[in-house]
Amino acid sequence: MNEKWYAVYTRPRWEKKVAETLTLKSIKNYCPLNKVVHQWSDRKKTVHVPLFTSYVFVHVTERQFMELKKVNGVISIVTWLNKPAVIKDSEIESIKTFLTDHSNVQLEIVEVNVNDTIQITQGSLLDKKGTIVAIKKNVIKVALPSLGYVLYAEVDKSSVSRVTEKITISC
């Protein structure tokens, strides 16, 4: 029983329903929800919307894949090079930590390029190492390579230091 994190692709706007169904079936899952303030003409309201459109993360063994495909709303298991894409535990934890500390997070799909490696010196991601994707003013983008997404938030440039060792990322 070697459980790993995988992503399932869902029908549009079915992320919460799929997560709820998976929970009812005792399948460990994570549907990252982003706190977003919506403004109408007469009021403001904070709503929780899925961070990754049409994706829910599941912590399962490969033997459970057939059961996942039977869940209403699940279209497929996300693959990379024709194999189910394994997501590192550390990346799931990074998403959880990031969403705990930041609201109104935005996503950007990117091709991850290897640039300078940095280490966070302050804040909730203290001592985490990452690859700088881009810097604009005080915005630092933290790369999650196996997902192909970048989460970003305003971080003071003084909160990071450059690491001189090279880190190899294999997919």
C-alpha atoms as a PDB file:
ATOM      1  CA  MET A   1       0.000   0.000   0.000  1.00  0.00           C
ATOM      2  CA  ASN A   2       2.111   2.872  -1.301  1.00  0.00           C
ATOM      3  CA  GLU A   3      -0.217   5.872  -1.361  1.00  0.00           C
ATOM      4  CA  LYS A   4       0.848   8.901  -3.357  1.00  0.00           C
ATOM      5  CA  TRP A   5      -0.770  12.176  -4.341  1.00  0.00           C
ATOM      6  CA  TYR A   6      -2.310  12.317  -7.804  1.00  0.00           C
ATOM      7  CA  ALA A   7      -4.588  14.817  -9.518  1.00  0.00           C
ATOM      8  CA  VAL A   8      -7.943  13.927 -11.033  1.00  0.00           C
ATOM      9  CA  TYR A   9      -9.491  16.020 -13.761  1.00  0.00           C
ATOM     10  CA  THR A  10     -13.142  16.834 -13.070  1.00  0.00           C
ATOM     11  CA  ARG A  11     -16.087  18.189 -14.969  1.00  0.00           C
ATOM     12  CA  PRO A  12     -16.105  22.011 -14.969  1.00  0.00           C
ATOM     13  CA  ARG A  13     -17.279  23.432 -11.629  1.00  0.00           C
ATOM     14  CA  TRP A  14     -17.550  19.977 -10.038  1.00  0.00           C
ATOM     15  CA  GLU A  15     -14.414  20.199  -7.880  1.00  0.00           C
ATOM     16  CA  LYS A  16     -16.251  20.580  -4.547  1.00  0.00           C
ATOM     17  CA  LYS A  17     -18.836  17.904  -5.437  1.00  0.00           C
ATOM     18  CA  VAL A  18     -16.101  15.432  -6.424  1.00  0.00           C
ATOM     19  CA  ALA A  19     -14.150  16.162  -3.217  1.00  0.00           C
ATOM     20  CA  GLU A  20     -17.283  15.605  -1.145  1.00  0.00           C
ATOM     21  CA  THR A  21     -18.049  12.309  -2.914  1.00  0.00           C
ATOM     22  CA  LEU A  22     -14.461  11.128  -2.451  1.00  0.00           C
ATOM     23  CA  THR A  23     -14.666  11.953   1.260  1.00  0.00           C
ATOM     24  CA  LEU A  24     -17.907   9.964   1.556  1.00  0.00           C
ATOM     25  CA  LYS A  25     -16.099   7.015  -0.068  1.00  0.00           C
ATOM     26  CA  SER A  26     -13.250   7.397   2.498  1.00  0.00           C
ATOM     27  CA  ILE A  27     -10.749   8.420  -0.197  1.00  0.00           C
ATOM     28  CA  LYS A  28      -8.296  11.011   1.108  1.00  0.00           C
ATOM     29  CA  ASN A  29      -8.469  14.102  -1.079  1.00  0.00           C
ATOM     30  CA  TYR A  30      -7.641  17.787  -1.146  1.00  0.00           C
ATOM     31  CA  CYS A  31      -9.504  20.455  -3.067  1.00  0.00           C
ATOM     32  CA  PRO A  32      -7.576  23.708  -2.454  1.00  0.00           C
ATOM     33  CA  LEU A  33     -10.027  26.546  -1.914  1.00  0.00           C
ATOM     34  CA  ASN A  34      -9.073  30.166  -2.487  1.00  0.00           C
ATOM     35  CA  LYS A  35     -10.700  32.924  -0.401  1.00  0.00           C
ATOM     36  CA  VAL A  36     -11.867  35.569  -2.848  1.00  0.00           C
ATOM     37  CA  VAL A  37     -13.841  38.720  -2.149  1.00  0.00           C
ATOM     38  CA  HIS A  38     -16.627  39.252  -4.682  1.00  0.00           C
ATOM     39  CA  GLN A  39     -18.114  42.706  -4.946  1.00  0.00           C
ATOM     40  CA  TRP A  40     -21.649  43.313  -6.062  1.00  0.00           C
ATOM     41  CA  SER A  41     -23.261  46.728  -6.372  1.00  0.00           C
ATOM     42  CA  ASP A  42     -24.758  46.480  -2.875  1.00  0.00           C
ATOM     43  CA  ARG A  43     -22.340  44.256  -0.916  1.00  0.00           C
ATOM     44  CA  LYS A  44     -19.078  42.379  -0.638  1.00  0.00           C
ATOM     45  CA  LYS A  45     -18.852  38.706   0.168  1.00  0.00           C
ATOM     46  CA  THR A  46     -15.941  36.352   0.754  1.00  0.00           C
ATOM     47  CA  VAL A  47     -16.409  33.098  -1.148  1.00  0.00           C
ATOM     48  CA  HIS A  48     -14.308  29.955  -1.361  1.00  0.00           C
ATOM     49  CA  VAL A  49     -13.581  28.938  -4.938  1.00  0.00           C
ATOM     50  CA  PRO A  50     -11.396  26.050  -6.125  1.00  0.00           C
ATOM     51  CA  LEU A  51      -7.838  27.240  -6.742  1.00  0.00           C
ATOM     52  CA  PHE A  52      -7.225  24.760  -9.565  1.00  0.00           C
ATOM     53  CA  THR A  53     -10.097  24.729 -12.049  1.00  0.00           C
ATOM     54  CA  SER A  54     -11.285  21.150 -12.716  1.00  0.00           C
ATOM     55  CA  TYR A  55      -8.681  19.487 -10.464  1.00  0.00           C
ATOM     56  CA  VAL A  56      -8.887  17.637  -7.147  1.00  0.00           C
ATOM     57  CA  PHE A  57      -5.893  15.963  -5.516  1.00  0.00           C
ATOM     58  CA  VAL A  58      -6.234  12.399  -4.216  1.00  0.00           C
ATOM     59  CA  HIS A  59      -3.956  10.360  -1.941  1.00  0.00           C
ATOM     60  CA  VAL A  60      -4.367   6.790  -3.191  1.00  0.00           C
ATOM     61  CA  THR A  61      -2.598   3.683  -4.430  1.00  0.00           C
ATOM     62  CA  GLU A  62      -2.550   2.801  -8.126  1.00  0.00           C
ATOM     63  CA  ARG A  63      -4.973  -0.044  -7.349  1.00  0.00           C
ATOM     64  CA  GLN A  64      -7.620   2.545  -6.437  1.00  0.00           C
ATOM     65  CA  PHE A  65      -7.556   4.232  -9.867  1.00  0.00           C
ATOM     66  CA  MET A  66     -10.545   2.223 -11.170  1.00  0.00           C
ATOM     67  CA  GLU A  67     -12.578   3.292  -8.141  1.00  0.00           C
ATOM     68  CA  LEU A  68     -11.667   6.945  -8.828  1.00  0.00           C
ATOM     69  CA  LYS A  69     -12.888   6.718 -12.413  1.00  0.00           C
ATOM     70  CA  LYS A  70     -16.303   5.540 -11.153  1.00  0.00           C
ATOM     71  CA  VAL A  71     -16.839   8.728  -9.120  1.00  0.00           C
ATOM     72  CA  ASN A  72     -19.454  10.962 -10.730  1.00  0.00           C
ATOM     73  CA  GLY A  73     -17.723  14.082 -12.077  1.00  0.00           C
ATOM     74  CA  VAL A  74     -14.240  12.557 -12.441  1.00  0.00           C
ATOM     75  CA  ILE A  75     -13.173  12.587 -16.089  1.00  0.00           C
ATOM     76  CA  SER A  76      -9.653  11.181 -15.820  1.00  0.00           C
ATOM     77  CA  ILE A  77      -6.465  10.884 -13.828  1.00  0.00           C
ATOM     78  CA  VAL A  78      -3.910  13.507 -14.817  1.00  0.00           C
ATOM     79  CA  THR A  79      -0.928  11.938 -16.596  1.00  0.00           C
ATOM     80  CA  TRP A  80       2.606  12.998 -17.418  1.00  0.00           C
ATOM     81  CA  LEU A  81       4.448  11.113 -20.183  1.00  0.00           C
ATOM     82  CA  ASN A  82       1.579   8.594 -20.348  1.00  0.00           C
ATOM     83  CA  LYS A  83       1.849   7.710 -16.635  1.00  0.00           C
ATOM     84  CA  PRO A  84      -0.241   9.016 -13.743  1.00  0.00           C
ATOM     85  CA  ALA A  85       1.442  12.226 -12.564  1.00  0.00           C
ATOM     86  CA  VAL A  86       2.712  11.824  -9.000  1.00  0.00           C
ATOM     87  CA  ILE A  87       2.623  15.006  -6.937  1.00  0.00           C
ATOM     88  CA  LYS A  88       5.146  15.376  -4.140  1.00  0.00           C
ATOM     89  CA  ASP A  89       3.859  15.535  -0.570  1.00  0.00           C
ATOM     90  CA  SER A  90       5.912  18.693  -0.100  1.00  0.00           C
ATOM     91  CA  GLU A  91       4.045  20.419  -2.940  1.00  0.00           C
ATOM     92  CA  ILE A  92       0.647  19.617  -1.421  1.00  0.00           C
ATOM     93  CA  GLU A  93       1.914  20.970   1.921  1.00  0.00           C
ATOM     94  CA  SER A  94       3.233  24.096   0.186  1.00  0.00           C
ATOM     95  CA  ILE A  95      -0.181  24.736  -1.363  1.00  0.00           C
ATOM     96  CA  LYS A  96      -1.875  24.267   2.024  1.00  0.00           C
ATOM     97  CA  THR A  97       0.578  26.621   3.737  1.00  0.00           C
ATOM     98  CA  PHE A  98       0.329  29.195   0.956  1.00  0.00           C
ATOM     99  CA  LEU A  99      -3.480  29.248   1.090  1.00  0.00           C
ATOM    100  CA  THR A 100      -3.438  29.511   4.875  1.00  0.00           C
ATOM    101  CA  ASP A 101      -1.285  32.643   4.715  1.00  0.00           C
ATOM    102  CA  HIS A 102      -2.687  34.322   1.597  1.00  0.00           C
ATOM    103  CA  SER A 103      -6.111  35.049   0.163  1.00  0.00           C
ATOM    104  CA  ASN A 104      -7.146  36.039  -3.325  1.00  0.00           C
ATOM    105  CA  VAL A 105      -4.337  33.909  -4.776  1.00  0.00           C
ATOM    106  CA  GLN A 106      -3.980  33.903  -8.542  1.00  0.00           C
ATOM    107  CA  LEU A 107      -2.749  31.070 -10.746  1.00  0.00           C
ATOM    108  CA  GLU A 108      -0.665  31.249 -13.839  1.00  0.00           C
ATOM    109  CA  ILE A 109       0.100  28.235 -16.035  1.00  0.00           C
ATOM    110  CA  VAL A 110       3.753  28.274 -17.001  1.00  0.00           C
ATOM    111  CA  GLU A 111       6.512  26.277 -18.536  1.00  0.00           C
ATOM    112  CA  VAL A 112       8.887  25.897 -15.601  1.00  0.00           C
ATOM    113  CA  ASN A 113      12.403  27.012 -16.482  1.00  0.00           C
ATOM    114  CA  VAL A 114      15.349  26.435 -14.215  1.00  0.00           C
ATOM    115  CA  ASN A 115      16.745  29.752 -13.004  1.00  0.00           C
ATOM    116  CA  ASP A 116      18.262  30.836  -9.709  1.00  0.00           C
ATOM    117  CA  THR A 117      17.542  28.687  -6.691  1.00  0.00           C
ATOM    118  CA  ILE A 118      16.444  30.633  -3.613  1.00  0.00           C
ATOM    119  CA  GLN A 119      15.716  29.895   0.009  1.00  0.00           C
ATOM    120  CA  ILE A 120      12.956  31.694   1.916  1.00  0.00           C
ATOM    121  CA  THR A 121      14.383  33.406   4.993  1.00  0.00           C
ATOM    122  CA  GLN A 122      11.164  34.762   6.559  1.00  0.00           C
ATOM    123  CA  GLY A 123       7.474  33.931   6.780  1.00  0.00           C
ATOM    124  CA  SER A 124       5.408  30.772   6.565  1.00  0.00           C
ATOM    125  CA  LEU A 125       7.642  29.151   3.948  1.00  0.00           C
ATOM    126  CA  LEU A 126      10.782  29.662   6.068  1.00  0.00           C
ATOM    127  CA  ASP A 127      13.761  27.579   4.863  1.00  0.00           C
ATOM    128  CA  LYS A 128      11.901  26.294   1.787  1.00  0.00           C
ATOM    129  CA  LYS A 129      13.950  26.227  -1.392  1.00  0.00           C
ATOM    130  CA  GLY A 130      12.506  27.063  -4.750  1.00  0.00           C
ATOM    131  CA  THR A 131      13.224  28.222  -8.230  1.00  0.00           C
ATOM    132  CA  ILE A 132      12.663  31.829  -9.172  1.00  0.00           C
ATOM    133  CA  VAL A 133      10.396  31.975 -12.161  1.00  0.00           C
ATOM    134  CA  ALA A 134      10.033  35.759 -12.284  1.00  0.00           C
ATOM    135  CA  ILE A 135      10.343  38.847 -10.121  1.00  0.00           C
ATOM    136  CA  LYS A 136       8.288  41.986 -10.672  1.00  0.00           C
ATOM    137  CA  LYS A 137       8.664  44.676  -8.048  1.00  0.00           C
ATOM    138  CA  ASN A 138       7.942  42.779  -4.815  1.00  0.00           C
ATOM    139  CA  VAL A 139       6.219  39.741  -6.354  1.00  0.00           C
ATOM    140  CA  ILE A 140       8.128  36.480  -6.163  1.00  0.00           C
ATOM    141  CA  LYS A 141       6.699  33.449  -7.931  1.00  0.00           C
ATOM    142  CA  VAL A 142       7.092  30.086  -6.178  1.00  0.00           C
ATOM    143  CA  ALA A 143       7.259  27.214  -8.669  1.00  0.00           C
ATOM    144  CA  LEU A 144       5.535  23.836  -8.209  1.00  0.00           C
ATOM    145  CA  PRO A 145       7.191  21.993 -11.102  1.00  0.00           C
ATOM    146  CA  SER A 146       5.272  18.708 -11.181  1.00  0.00           C
ATOM    147  CA  LEU A 147       1.966  20.578 -11.401  1.00  0.00           C
ATOM    148  CA  GLY A 148       3.061  23.066 -14.048  1.00  0.00           C
ATOM    149  CA  TYR A 149       1.502  25.932 -12.094  1.00  0.00           C
ATOM    150  CA  VAL A 150       2.922  28.894 -10.243  1.00  0.00           C
ATOM    151  CA  LEU A 151       1.423  30.385  -7.100  1.00  0.00           C
ATOM    152  CA  TYR A 152       2.432  33.950  -6.361  1.00  0.00           C
ATOM    153  CA  ALA A 153       2.054  36.491  -3.608  1.00  0.00           C
ATOM    154  CA  GLU A 154       3.682  39.748  -2.667  1.00  0.00           C
ATOM    155  CA  VAL A 155       6.834  38.928  -0.732  1.00  0.00           C
ATOM    156  CA  ASP A 156       9.531  41.389   0.290  1.00  0.00           C
ATOM    157  CA  LYS A 157      12.723  40.708  -1.661  1.00  0.00           C
ATOM    158  CA  SER A 158      14.637  40.847   1.630  1.00  0.00           C
ATOM    159  CA  SER A 159      12.792  37.630   2.644  1.00  0.00           C
ATOM    160  CA  VAL A 160      14.821  35.461   0.264  1.00  0.00           C
ATOM    161  CA  SER A 161      18.478  34.611  -0.172  1.00  0.00           C
ATOM    162  CA  ARG A 162      20.214  33.110  -3.171  1.00  0.00           C
ATOM    163  CA  VAL A 163      21.416  29.520  -2.839  1.00  0.00           C
ATOM    164  CA  THR A 164      24.597  28.663  -4.661  1.00  0.00           C
ATOM    165  CA  GLU A 165      24.105  24.864  -4.734  1.00  0.00           C
ATOM    166  CA  LYS A 166      22.284  23.407  -7.720  1.00  0.00           C
ATOM    167  CA  ILE A 167      19.131  21.353  -7.258  1.00  0.00           C
ATOM    168  CA  THR A 168      18.179  18.807  -9.905  1.00  0.00           C
ATOM    169  CA  ILE A 169      14.478  18.283 -10.471  1.00  0.00           C
ATOM    170  CA  SER A 170      13.501  15.090 -12.229  1.00  0.00           C
ATOM    171  CA  CYS A 171      10.076  14.358 -13.582  1.00  0.00           C
END
